[in-house]
Amino acid sequence: MSYVDEELNSFLPTGWRLADEGRGTWDETRRAYRFRVVDNVDFDWPVTVTAAEAGENGRLGALERAMDRVVRDRLGRPTRGLGLAG
């Protein structure tokens, strides 16, 4: 399983980008596609799309769910230390 940059970028929130290493790689041991994204305040986040999830939801559906988990995790984090109320 793999993704092209356009597919990955289409699920990124505004202001987010792929990390410098690019689109990521397939991890055969974990049966997952792994890549990193950088949010709008330059924190980087790992994203993992499992083969099992792709089997259930299709490639793009699994990517959408994986990105949703990362965005929800990011938005749920306390902002203490960033100078923002949290």
PDB file of N, CA and C in Angstrom:
ATOM      1  N   MET A   1       0.848  -1.172   0.000  1.00  0.00           N
ATOM      2  CA  MET A   1       0.000   0.000   0.000  1.00  0.00           C
ATOM      3  C   MET A   1       0.891   1.232   0.000  1.00  0.00           C
ATOM      4  N   SER A   2       0.510   2.203  -0.772  1.00  0.00           N
ATOM      5  CA  SER A   2       1.263   3.458  -0.806  1.00  0.00           C
ATOM      6  C   SER A   2       0.326   4.588  -1.211  1.00  0.00           C
ATOM      7  N   TYR A   3       0.823   5.796  -1.043  1.00  0.00           N
ATOM      8  CA  TYR A   3       0.077   7.003  -1.390  1.00  0.00           C
ATOM      9  C   TYR A   3       1.003   7.946  -2.153  1.00  0.00           C
ATOM     10  N   VAL A   4       0.423   8.748  -3.021  1.00  0.00           N
ATOM     11  CA  VAL A   4       1.187   9.801  -3.683  1.00  0.00           C
ATOM     12  C   VAL A   4       0.985  11.093  -2.886  1.00  0.00           C
ATOM     13  N   ASP A   5       1.883  12.045  -3.089  1.00  0.00           N
ATOM     14  CA  ASP A   5       1.834  13.304  -2.337  1.00  0.00           C
ATOM     15  C   ASP A   5       0.468  13.991  -2.426  1.00  0.00           C
ATOM     16  N   GLU A   6      -0.147  13.977  -3.596  1.00  0.00           N
ATOM     17  CA  GLU A   6      -1.434  14.640  -3.777  1.00  0.00           C
ATOM     18  C   GLU A   6      -2.501  14.028  -2.878  1.00  0.00           C
ATOM     19  N   GLU A   7      -2.482  12.697  -2.744  1.00  0.00           N
ATOM     20  CA  GLU A   7      -3.451  12.034  -1.866  1.00  0.00           C
ATOM     21  C   GLU A   7      -3.219  12.448  -0.418  1.00  0.00           C
ATOM     22  N   LEU A   8      -1.968  12.417   0.017  1.00  0.00           N
ATOM     23  CA  LEU A   8      -1.661  12.784   1.395  1.00  0.00           C
ATOM     24  C   LEU A   8      -2.015  14.242   1.663  1.00  0.00           C
ATOM     25  N   ASN A   9      -1.614  15.127   0.777  1.00  0.00           N
ATOM     26  CA  ASN A   9      -1.878  16.557   0.968  1.00  0.00           C
ATOM     27  C   ASN A   9      -3.373  16.871   0.987  1.00  0.00           C
ATOM     28  N   SER A  10      -4.169  16.092   0.276  1.00  0.00           N
ATOM     29  CA  SER A  10      -5.604  16.384   0.206  1.00  0.00           C
ATOM     30  C   SER A  10      -6.307  16.192   1.546  1.00  0.00           C
ATOM     31  N   PHE A  11      -5.704  15.455   2.470  1.00  0.00           N
ATOM     32  CA  PHE A  11      -6.311  15.230   3.779  1.00  0.00           C
ATOM     33  C   PHE A  11      -5.689  16.079   4.886  1.00  0.00           C
ATOM     34  N   LEU A  12      -4.723  16.917   4.536  1.00  0.00           N
ATOM     35  CA  LEU A  12      -4.083  17.763   5.545  1.00  0.00           C
ATOM     36  C   LEU A  12      -4.910  19.022   5.802  1.00  0.00           C
ATOM     37  N   PRO A  13      -5.055  19.405   7.072  1.00  0.00           N
ATOM     38  CA  PRO A  13      -5.739  20.669   7.363  1.00  0.00           C
ATOM     39  C   PRO A  13      -4.944  21.849   6.805  1.00  0.00           C
ATOM     40  N   THR A  14      -5.604  22.971   6.635  1.00  0.00           N
ATOM     41  CA  THR A  14      -4.948  24.178   6.150  1.00  0.00           C
ATOM     42  C   THR A  14      -3.775  24.528   7.058  1.00  0.00           C
ATOM     43  N   GLY A  15      -2.637  24.824   6.444  1.00  0.00           N
ATOM     44  CA  GLY A  15      -1.442  25.191   7.186  1.00  0.00           C
ATOM     45  C   GLY A  15      -0.547  24.020   7.551  1.00  0.00           C
ATOM     46  N   TRP A  16      -1.015  22.794   7.370  1.00  0.00           N
ATOM     47  CA  TRP A  16      -0.214  21.607   7.648  1.00  0.00           C
ATOM     48  C   TRP A  16       0.511  21.194   6.371  1.00  0.00           C
ATOM     49  N   ARG A  17       1.591  20.414   6.542  1.00  0.00           N
ATOM     50  CA  ARG A  17       2.350  19.945   5.381  1.00  0.00           C
ATOM     51  C   ARG A  17       2.989  18.601   5.698  1.00  0.00           C
ATOM     52  N   LEU A  18       3.447  17.930   4.655  1.00  0.00           N
ATOM     53  CA  LEU A  18       4.214  16.701   4.858  1.00  0.00           C
ATOM     54  C   LEU A  18       5.565  17.060   5.452  1.00  0.00           C
ATOM     55  N   ALA A  19       6.093  16.210   6.298  1.00  0.00           N
ATOM     56  CA  ALA A  19       7.424  16.426   6.853  1.00  0.00           C
ATOM     57  C   ALA A  19       8.454  16.327   5.736  1.00  0.00           C
ATOM     58  N   ASP A  20       9.652  16.792   6.006  1.00  0.00           N
ATOM     59  CA  ASP A  20      10.709  16.856   4.992  1.00  0.00           C
ATOM     60  C   ASP A  20      11.022  15.525   4.326  1.00  0.00           C
ATOM     61  N   GLU A  21      10.838  14.413   5.042  1.00  0.00           N
ATOM     62  CA  GLU A  21      11.171  13.119   4.434  1.00  0.00           C
ATOM     63  C   GLU A  21      10.159  12.685   3.383  1.00  0.00           C
ATOM     64  N   GLY A  22       9.086  13.457   3.215  1.00  0.00           N
ATOM     65  CA  GLY A  22       8.157  13.182   2.123  1.00  0.00           C
ATOM     66  C   GLY A  22       7.032  12.248   2.477  1.00  0.00           C
ATOM     67  N   ARG A  23       6.628  11.477   1.495  1.00  0.00           N
ATOM     68  CA  ARG A  23       5.369  10.759   1.615  1.00  0.00           C
ATOM     69  C   ARG A  23       5.389   9.537   2.508  1.00  0.00           C
ATOM     70  N   GLY A  24       6.486   9.063   2.973  1.00  0.00           N
ATOM     71  CA  GLY A  24       6.497   7.937   3.905  1.00  0.00           C
ATOM     72  C   GLY A  24       6.811   6.606   3.256  1.00  0.00           C
ATOM     73  N   THR A  25       6.647   5.540   4.039  1.00  0.00           N
ATOM     74  CA  THR A  25       7.005   4.206   3.571  1.00  0.00           C
ATOM     75  C   THR A  25       6.071   3.157   4.162  1.00  0.00           C
ATOM     76  N   TRP A  26       6.063   2.019   3.510  1.00  0.00           N
ATOM     77  CA  TRP A  26       5.323   0.858   3.982  1.00  0.00           C
ATOM     78  C   TRP A  26       6.212   0.110   4.970  1.00  0.00           C
ATOM     79  N   ASP A  27       5.676  -0.209   6.129  1.00  0.00           N
ATOM     80  CA  ASP A  27       6.373  -0.989   7.157  1.00  0.00           C
ATOM     81  C   ASP A  27       5.783  -2.397   7.138  1.00  0.00           C
ATOM     82  N   GLU A  28       6.489  -3.304   6.502  1.00  0.00           N
ATOM     83  CA  GLU A  28       5.984  -4.670   6.333  1.00  0.00           C
ATOM     84  C   GLU A  28       5.776  -5.369   7.670  1.00  0.00           C
ATOM     85  N   THR A  29       6.657  -5.133   8.621  1.00  0.00           N
ATOM     86  CA  THR A  29       6.553  -5.766   9.935  1.00  0.00           C
ATOM     87  C   THR A  29       5.250  -5.388  10.629  1.00  0.00           C
ATOM     88  N   ARG A  30       4.901  -4.124  10.574  1.00  0.00           N
ATOM     89  CA  ARG A  30       3.680  -3.641  11.244  1.00  0.00           C
ATOM     90  C   ARG A  30       2.470  -3.625  10.327  1.00  0.00           C
ATOM     91  N   ARG A  31       2.687  -3.969   9.053  1.00  0.00           N
ATOM     92  CA  ARG A  31       1.613  -3.962   8.060  1.00  0.00           C
ATOM     93  C   ARG A  31       0.891  -2.620   8.066  1.00  0.00           C
ATOM     94  N   ALA A  32       1.717  -1.574   7.944  1.00  0.00           N
ATOM     95  CA  ALA A  32       1.168  -0.223   8.004  1.00  0.00           C
ATOM     96  C   ALA A  32       1.991   0.732   7.156  1.00  0.00           C
ATOM     97  N   TYR A  33       1.320   1.729   6.625  1.00  0.00           N
ATOM     98  CA  TYR A  33       1.976   2.814   5.905  1.00  0.00           C
ATOM     99  C   TYR A  33       2.194   3.927   6.910  1.00  0.00           C
ATOM    100  N   ARG A  34       3.430   4.424   6.987  1.00  0.00           N
ATOM    101  CA  ARG A  34       3.770   5.413   8.005  1.00  0.00           C
ATOM    102  C   ARG A  34       4.405   6.639   7.367  1.00  0.00           C
ATOM    103  N   PHE A  35       3.961   7.812   7.820  1.00  0.00           N
ATOM    104  CA  PHE A  35       4.557   9.068   7.367  1.00  0.00           C
ATOM    105  C   PHE A  35       4.393  10.102   8.468  1.00  0.00           C
ATOM    106  N   ARG A  36       5.007  11.247   8.285  1.00  0.00           N
ATOM    107  CA  ARG A  36       4.939  12.311   9.285  1.00  0.00           C
ATOM    108  C   ARG A  36       4.400  13.581   8.643  1.00  0.00           C
ATOM    109  N   VAL A  37       3.642  14.329   9.444  1.00  0.00           N
ATOM    110  CA  VAL A  37       3.121  15.621   9.003  1.00  0.00           C
ATOM    111  C   VAL A  37       3.568  16.684  10.002  1.00  0.00           C
ATOM    112  N   VAL A  38       3.592  17.920   9.535  1.00  0.00           N
ATOM    113  CA  VAL A  38       3.964  19.058  10.377  1.00  0.00           C
ATOM    114  C   VAL A  38       2.753  19.972  10.455  1.00  0.00           C
ATOM    115  N   ASP A  39       2.364  20.308  11.691  1.00  0.00           N
ATOM    116  CA  ASP A  39       1.178  21.157  11.848  1.00  0.00           C
ATOM    117  C   ASP A  39       1.519  22.626  11.659  1.00  0.00           C
ATOM    118  N   ASN A  40       0.536  23.474  11.862  1.00  0.00           N
ATOM    119  CA  ASN A  40       0.708  24.899  11.584  1.00  0.00           C
ATOM    120  C   ASN A  40       1.566  25.637  12.606  1.00  0.00           C
ATOM    121  N   VAL A  41       2.023  24.945  13.655  1.00  0.00           N
ATOM    122  CA  VAL A  41       2.971  25.566  14.593  1.00  0.00           C
ATOM    123  C   VAL A  41       4.281  24.779  14.643  1.00  0.00           C
ATOM    124  N   ASP A  42       4.549  24.052  13.567  1.00  0.00           N
ATOM    125  CA  ASP A  42       5.801  23.325  13.336  1.00  0.00           C
ATOM    126  C   ASP A  42       6.076  22.150  14.276  1.00  0.00           C
ATOM    127  N   PHE A  43       5.036  21.549  14.834  1.00  0.00           N
ATOM    128  CA  PHE A  43       5.200  20.282  15.554  1.00  0.00           C
ATOM    129  C   PHE A  43       5.004  19.177  14.531  1.00  0.00           C
ATOM    130  N   ASP A  44       5.807  18.133  14.636  1.00  0.00           N
ATOM    131  CA  ASP A  44       5.579  17.041  13.687  1.00  0.00           C
ATOM    132  C   ASP A  44       4.873  15.883  14.381  1.00  0.00           C
ATOM    133  N   TRP A  45       4.070  15.188  13.586  1.00  0.00           N
ATOM    134  CA  TRP A  45       3.188  14.143  14.083  1.00  0.00           C
ATOM    135  C   TRP A  45       3.312  12.902  13.207  1.00  0.00           C
ATOM    136  N   PRO A  46       3.418  11.731  13.839  1.00  0.00           N
ATOM    137  CA  PRO A  46       3.417  10.490  13.061  1.00  0.00           C
ATOM    138  C   PRO A  46       1.992  10.110  12.656  1.00  0.00           C
ATOM    139  N   VAL A  47       1.860   9.592  11.458  1.00  0.00           N
ATOM    140  CA  VAL A  47       0.567   9.106  10.967  1.00  0.00           C
ATOM    141  C   VAL A  47       0.767   7.659  10.539  1.00  0.00           C
ATOM    142  N   THR A  48      -0.137   6.791  10.972  1.00  0.00           N
ATOM    143  CA  THR A  48      -0.059   5.375  10.630  1.00  0.00           C
ATOM    144  C   THR A  48      -1.382   4.922  10.038  1.00  0.00           C
ATOM    145  N   VAL A  49      -1.299   4.341   8.847  1.00  0.00           N
ATOM    146  CA  VAL A  49      -2.482   3.784   8.173  1.00  0.00           C
ATOM    147  C   VAL A  49      -2.259   2.278   8.096  1.00  0.00           C
ATOM    148  N   THR A  50      -3.064   1.513   8.815  1.00  0.00           N
ATOM    149  CA  THR A  50      -2.858   0.066   8.844  1.00  0.00           C
ATOM    150  C   THR A  50      -3.531  -0.620   7.657  1.00  0.00           C
ATOM    151  N   ALA A  51      -2.977  -1.768   7.293  1.00  0.00           N
ATOM    152  CA  ALA A  51      -3.555  -2.561   6.211  1.00  0.00           C
ATOM    153  C   ALA A  51      -4.954  -3.035   6.588  1.00  0.00           C
ATOM    154  N   ALA A  52      -5.160  -3.364   7.854  1.00  0.00           N
ATOM    155  CA  ALA A  52      -6.478  -3.814   8.305  1.00  0.00           C
ATOM    156  C   ALA A  52      -7.516  -2.710   8.122  1.00  0.00           C
ATOM    157  N   GLU A  53      -7.156  -1.492   8.480  1.00  0.00           N
ATOM    158  CA  GLU A  53      -8.081  -0.374   8.319  1.00  0.00           C
ATOM    159  C   GLU A  53      -8.359  -0.107   6.837  1.00  0.00           C
ATOM    160  N   ALA A  54      -7.345  -0.234   6.004  1.00  0.00           N
ATOM    161  CA  ALA A  54      -7.533  -0.053   4.561  1.00  0.00           C
ATOM    162  C   ALA A  54      -8.457  -1.132   4.005  1.00  0.00           C
ATOM    163  N   GLY A  55      -8.345  -2.342   4.548  1.00  0.00           N
ATOM    164  CA  GLY A  55      -9.240  -3.418   4.119  1.00  0.00           C
ATOM    165  C   GLY A  55     -10.690  -3.141   4.473  1.00  0.00           C
ATOM    166  N   GLU A  56     -10.907  -2.503   5.606  1.00  0.00           N
ATOM    167  CA  GLU A  56     -12.268  -2.184   6.060  1.00  0.00           C
ATOM    168  C   GLU A  56     -12.845  -0.952   5.373  1.00  0.00           C
ATOM    169  N   ASN A  57     -12.002   0.068   5.180  1.00  0.00           N
ATOM    170  CA  ASN A  57     -12.494   1.374   4.729  1.00  0.00           C
ATOM    171  C   ASN A  57     -11.976   1.820   3.371  1.00  0.00           C
ATOM    172  N   GLY A  58     -11.161   1.005   2.724  1.00  0.00           N
ATOM    173  CA  GLY A  58     -10.515   1.408   1.479  1.00  0.00           C
ATOM    174  C   GLY A  58      -9.283   2.258   1.785  1.00  0.00           C
ATOM    175  N   ARG A  59      -8.404   2.380   0.800  1.00  0.00           N
ATOM    176  CA  ARG A  59      -7.152   3.124   1.002  1.00  0.00           C
ATOM    177  C   ARG A  59      -7.384   4.552   1.472  1.00  0.00           C
ATOM    178  N   LEU A  60      -8.238   5.284   0.751  1.00  0.00           N
ATOM    179  CA  LEU A  60      -8.447   6.692   1.078  1.00  0.00           C
ATOM    180  C   LEU A  60      -9.278   6.862   2.344  1.00  0.00           C
ATOM    181  N   GLY A  61     -10.221   5.976   2.572  1.00  0.00           N
ATOM    182  CA  GLY A  61     -10.987   6.021   3.813  1.00  0.00           C
ATOM    183  C   GLY A  61     -10.099   5.795   5.024  1.00  0.00           C
ATOM    184  N   ALA A  62      -9.154   4.867   4.901  1.00  0.00           N
ATOM    185  CA  ALA A  62      -8.218   4.599   5.996  1.00  0.00           C
ATOM    186  C   ALA A  62      -7.297   5.793   6.229  1.00  0.00           C
ATOM    187  N   LEU A  63      -6.867   6.434   5.144  1.00  0.00           N
ATOM    188  CA  LEU A  63      -6.028   7.630   5.273  1.00  0.00           C
ATOM    189  C   LEU A  63      -6.806   8.744   5.972  1.00  0.00           C
ATOM    190  N   GLU A  64      -8.048   8.921   5.585  1.00  0.00           N
ATOM    191  CA  GLU A  64      -8.881   9.950   6.212  1.00  0.00           C
ATOM    192  C   GLU A  64      -9.035   9.689   7.711  1.00  0.00           C
ATOM    193  N   ARG A  65      -9.273   8.456   8.095  1.00  0.00           N
ATOM    194  CA  ARG A  65      -9.429   8.115   9.518  1.00  0.00           C
ATOM    195  C   ARG A  65      -8.126   8.326  10.287  1.00  0.00           C
ATOM    196  N   ALA A  66      -7.003   7.965   9.683  1.00  0.00           N
ATOM    197  CA  ALA A  66      -5.707   8.153  10.344  1.00  0.00           C
ATOM    198  C   ALA A  66      -5.415   9.636  10.560  1.00  0.00           C
ATOM    199  N   MET A  67      -5.673  10.455   9.551  1.00  0.00           N
ATOM    200  CA  MET A  67      -5.454  11.891   9.691  1.00  0.00           C
ATOM    201  C   MET A  67      -6.408  12.493  10.720  1.00  0.00           C
ATOM    202  N   ASP A  68      -7.635  12.012  10.750  1.00  0.00           N
ATOM    203  CA  ASP A  68      -8.600  12.497  11.735  1.00  0.00           C
ATOM    204  C   ASP A  68      -8.102  12.220  13.151  1.00  0.00           C
ATOM    205  N   ARG A  69      -7.544  11.039  13.379  1.00  0.00           N
ATOM    206  CA  ARG A  69      -6.991  10.714  14.709  1.00  0.00           C
ATOM    207  C   ARG A  69      -5.881  11.682  15.089  1.00  0.00           C
ATOM    208  N   VAL A  70      -4.991  11.978  14.138  1.00  0.00           N
ATOM    209  CA  VAL A  70      -3.865  12.883  14.422  1.00  0.00           C
ATOM    210  C   VAL A  70      -4.368  14.295  14.713  1.00  0.00           C
ATOM    211  N   VAL A  71      -5.282  14.783  13.906  1.00  0.00           N
ATOM    212  CA  VAL A  71      -5.803  16.139  14.112  1.00  0.00           C
ATOM    213  C   VAL A  71      -6.530  16.229  15.451  1.00  0.00           C
ATOM    214  N   ARG A  72      -7.332  15.239  15.779  1.00  0.00           N
ATOM    215  CA  ARG A  72      -8.033  15.245  17.062  1.00  0.00           C
ATOM    216  C   ARG A  72      -7.048  15.182  18.223  1.00  0.00           C
ATOM    217  N   ASP A  73      -5.996  14.401  18.084  1.00  0.00           N
ATOM    218  CA  ASP A  73      -4.965  14.336  19.126  1.00  0.00           C
ATOM    219  C   ASP A  73      -4.308  15.700  19.283  1.00  0.00           C
ATOM    220  N   ARG A  74      -3.986  16.348  18.181  1.00  0.00           N
ATOM    221  CA  ARG A  74      -3.335  17.666  18.218  1.00  0.00           C
ATOM    222  C   ARG A  74      -4.245  18.697  18.868  1.00  0.00           C
ATOM    223  N   LEU A  75      -5.515  18.710  18.495  1.00  0.00           N
ATOM    224  CA  LEU A  75      -6.431  19.698  19.039  1.00  0.00           C
ATOM    225  C   LEU A  75      -6.767  19.427  20.501  1.00  0.00           C
ATOM    226  N   GLY A  76      -6.610  18.188  20.923  1.00  0.00           N
ATOM    227  CA  GLY A  76      -6.906  17.838  22.313  1.00  0.00           C
ATOM    228  C   GLY A  76      -5.755  18.069  23.264  1.00  0.00           C
ATOM    229  N   ARG A  77      -4.587  18.374  22.744  1.00  0.00           N
ATOM    230  CA  ARG A  77      -3.408  18.582  23.595  1.00  0.00           C
ATOM    231  C   ARG A  77      -3.478  19.924  24.294  1.00  0.00           C
ATOM    232  N   PRO A  78      -3.022  19.979  25.548  1.00  0.00           N
ATOM    233  CA  PRO A  78      -2.955  21.268  26.218  1.00  0.00           C
ATOM    234  C   PRO A  78      -1.948  22.174  25.520  1.00  0.00           C
ATOM    235  N   THR A  79      -2.217  23.459  25.525  1.00  0.00           N
ATOM    236  CA  THR A  79      -1.340  24.411  24.846  1.00  0.00           C
ATOM    237  C   THR A  79      -0.420  25.132  25.824  1.00  0.00           C
ATOM    238  N   ARG A  80      -0.392  24.682  27.062  1.00  0.00           N
ATOM    239  CA  ARG A  80       0.475  25.289  28.069  1.00  0.00           C
ATOM    240  C   ARG A  80       1.915  25.295  27.549  1.00  0.00           C
ATOM    241  N   GLY A  81       2.593  26.384  27.693  1.00  0.00           N
ATOM    242  CA  GLY A  81       3.972  26.498  27.224  1.00  0.00           C
ATOM    243  C   GLY A  81       4.071  27.130  25.856  1.00  0.00           C
ATOM    244  N   LEU A  82       2.951  27.227  25.167  1.00  0.00           N
ATOM    245  CA  LEU A  82       2.968  27.860  23.852  1.00  0.00           C
ATOM    246  C   LEU A  82       2.519  29.310  23.931  1.00  0.00           C
ATOM    247  N   GLY A  83       2.206  29.761  25.135  1.00  0.00           N
ATOM    248  CA  GLY A  83       1.720  31.130  25.298  1.00  0.00           C
ATOM    249  C   GLY A  83       0.247  31.262  24.972  1.00  0.00           C
ATOM    250  N   LEU A  84      -0.471  30.126  24.915  1.00  0.00           N
ATOM    251  CA  LEU A  84      -1.902  30.129  24.606  1.00  0.00           C
ATOM    252  C   LEU A  84      -2.674  29.629  25.809  1.00  0.00           C
ATOM    253  N   ALA A  85      -3.866  30.097  25.985  1.00  0.00           N
ATOM    254  CA  ALA A  85      -4.707  29.603  27.072  1.00  0.00           C
ATOM    255  C   ALA A  85      -5.050  28.150  26.801  1.00  0.00           C
ATOM    256  N   GLY A  86      -5.087  27.326  27.817  1.00  0.00           N
ATOM    257  CA  GLY A  86      -5.368  25.928  27.565  1.00  0.00           C
ATOM    258  C   GLY A  86      -6.031  25.253  28.608  1.00  0.00           C
TER     259      GLY A  86
END
